[in-house]
Amino acid sequence: MIVEELKLLPSSKAAKDYLNNQNDMLSFFDYNIHQPTVFQQRLSDLQEQPYDRDALSKALLSYQKRFAFHDKAAQQVEKLKDPRSVVVIGGQQAGLLTGPLYTIYKAVTIVLLAREQERALGVPVVPVFWIAGEDHDLDEINAVPIEKNGRWRSHRIEEKRKRIASEAGLNKETLAKWLATVFRSLPETEHTLPLYERVKTLAGRSNTYTDFFAELLLYLFRDEGLVVFDSGDPSFRTLEKSCFHMLIQKTKNVQGAFAHQVKKLEQAGYGRPIITEETNAHLFYVEEGSRYRIDYTGENYELNGKNQTFSREELLEHLTLHPERFSNNVVTRPVMQDALFPVLAFVAGPGEISYWATLKRVFHECGMKMSPVVPRISATCVPSAVQKWFAEKQYSYEEAIAHGLEKEKEGWLEEQTPWPIDQVVEEAITQIRHSHKPIKDLAEQIGETPGKLANKNWSIIESQLRFMERRMKRHVRERFEHELSKFDEAERWLKPNGLLQERHDHVIQLLNIVGDDFIPRLISMNINKMGVHYLVKL
């Protein structure tokens, strides 16, 4: 496996400016990650914040032990008892098979940055992956793309109602059938059967989406000591109670701070990454597996979509009795994260960089600084056959990843075709249209009905010529089908479904080709340079 560096910046203006050290964007953050002393400064600032390390370690250790491959993670949790210890953290929804590859790259970044800073700072640095188990939009996590007859389709586990991922039960039989279909869609290699048996076993141990996600992630990072944390698990709610209490007490201030920062970001030309109503209290209330947004109007708290109202005192009483019923939204989740953990750095994708830019004043209202935001790595993996073909064609990987290969494919086909199909058809249409015009004009003079008939007649003639054009082109394509399929195969890897590979493919597709030691090998290459898109040659 070889890794090369490509220059391929994110499409988001906010993420691009953040990577390029632009002051307009960096002013929305408390720390400049381009400064060499940023982590020393953050470590110093963290000494002023209190954390209940014993309770956190105990809850995390109990959670790791639920899963098969927890040994190294449990060892890392023990480090958190050290009062000097800090964490590098990042998170994602609990996607099936861990979701798109960017989830894996985020976890790789967390592990590499934690190791790097543990050496640099001389203190324990624990890598933590925050699973967004409180998310209730299962349609975003309950499917993966599979390929059939050269076409992609979404392979989904159907859900009858919205539930949070931590409570959404997985039917074992349904999951087993779903998984078998995924593996049948893959090309068979020496790795397919043992990989299938391993994933099937982990699936059999899982009762919810977050269980399956955590089982698989801990297996994939079994040698790296990645610690997992489910924000939707009731066992952590007691730890979160004091932060929820503070957020309820400061609802109006948090609303105002967020609205102010969003306005400033929009005025700076970065748009509105989070759009919500002013009444949003940025908290949810969970009841019978469903989440209801809590709104605050200045007087009472209301459950959006449910005819239920609380005073502040009543809501705080519910929190005291039932902390498991409360959860964060996109605005308050980062605050909760930094209240629970001594966060040295938060690892973010391009979209997260945009929305974290709206949160600086929210953190300040809660008595905290925003943790340094470190962009995750970005990568595209290519198998040896595609590498060889690319070398022969001498195409640009950057161009292919950014824009696909359709332009190159059509250009190549045009070079191979000695028949000027387009030219001849266009000339014929022009000539026949000219010859048909007197008929059309005469018909229109005779009356409205003959005129309409003449127009329809011309449409039929032109459509027949276009039909002939398409058939000739199809025949030519069939003649060069073998070579054209190589363009399609390359694009399937570099720009599947018109998306970056990391936003489309899942990790099982890669492990099926290279084996389940792919992640340790990737980590051993220290691919953690900011602003670089890595080309991983399998």
Foldseek 3Di string as FASTA:
>chain_A
DDKDWDQFFDPAPLRRCLLVVNPLNCVLAPFNPVDPCRLVVLLVVLLVADAPLVLLLVLLLVVLVLADLRVLLNVLSVLSVPSSEFEAEEEDELAALLAFQVSVLLQLLRLLVQVVVCVVVVGHYAREYEYAQQDFPCVRHFWAWFDDPLDIDTQGDDDPDTFGQVPAFDDLVSVLVSLVVRLVRADFDPFSVVVSVVLNVQSNSDTTSNSSSSNSVCVLCSVRNYGYHYQLDQSCLVVLLVVVLLLLVCQLQLLVLLVVLQVSCVVSPNHRLDDDDSQFSQKWFADPRDTFTWGHDPAWIAGPPDGDIGGSVRVNVCCVVRSSRMHGHLQCPQVSVVNHGSHSEYEDESSNSSSSSSHQSSQVSVVHHRHHYAYGAAEFEDEPVLVVVCVVVVDDLNCCLQFNCPVVLVVVLVVVDPDPLVVVLVVVLVVVCVVLVVVLVVLVVVHDVSNVVSVVVNVVVNVVSVVVSVVVVVVSCVVVVVVSVSSSVSSCRRQNVNHGSSNHHRPVNVCSPVNSCVSVVVSVVSPNDRSIYMYHYD
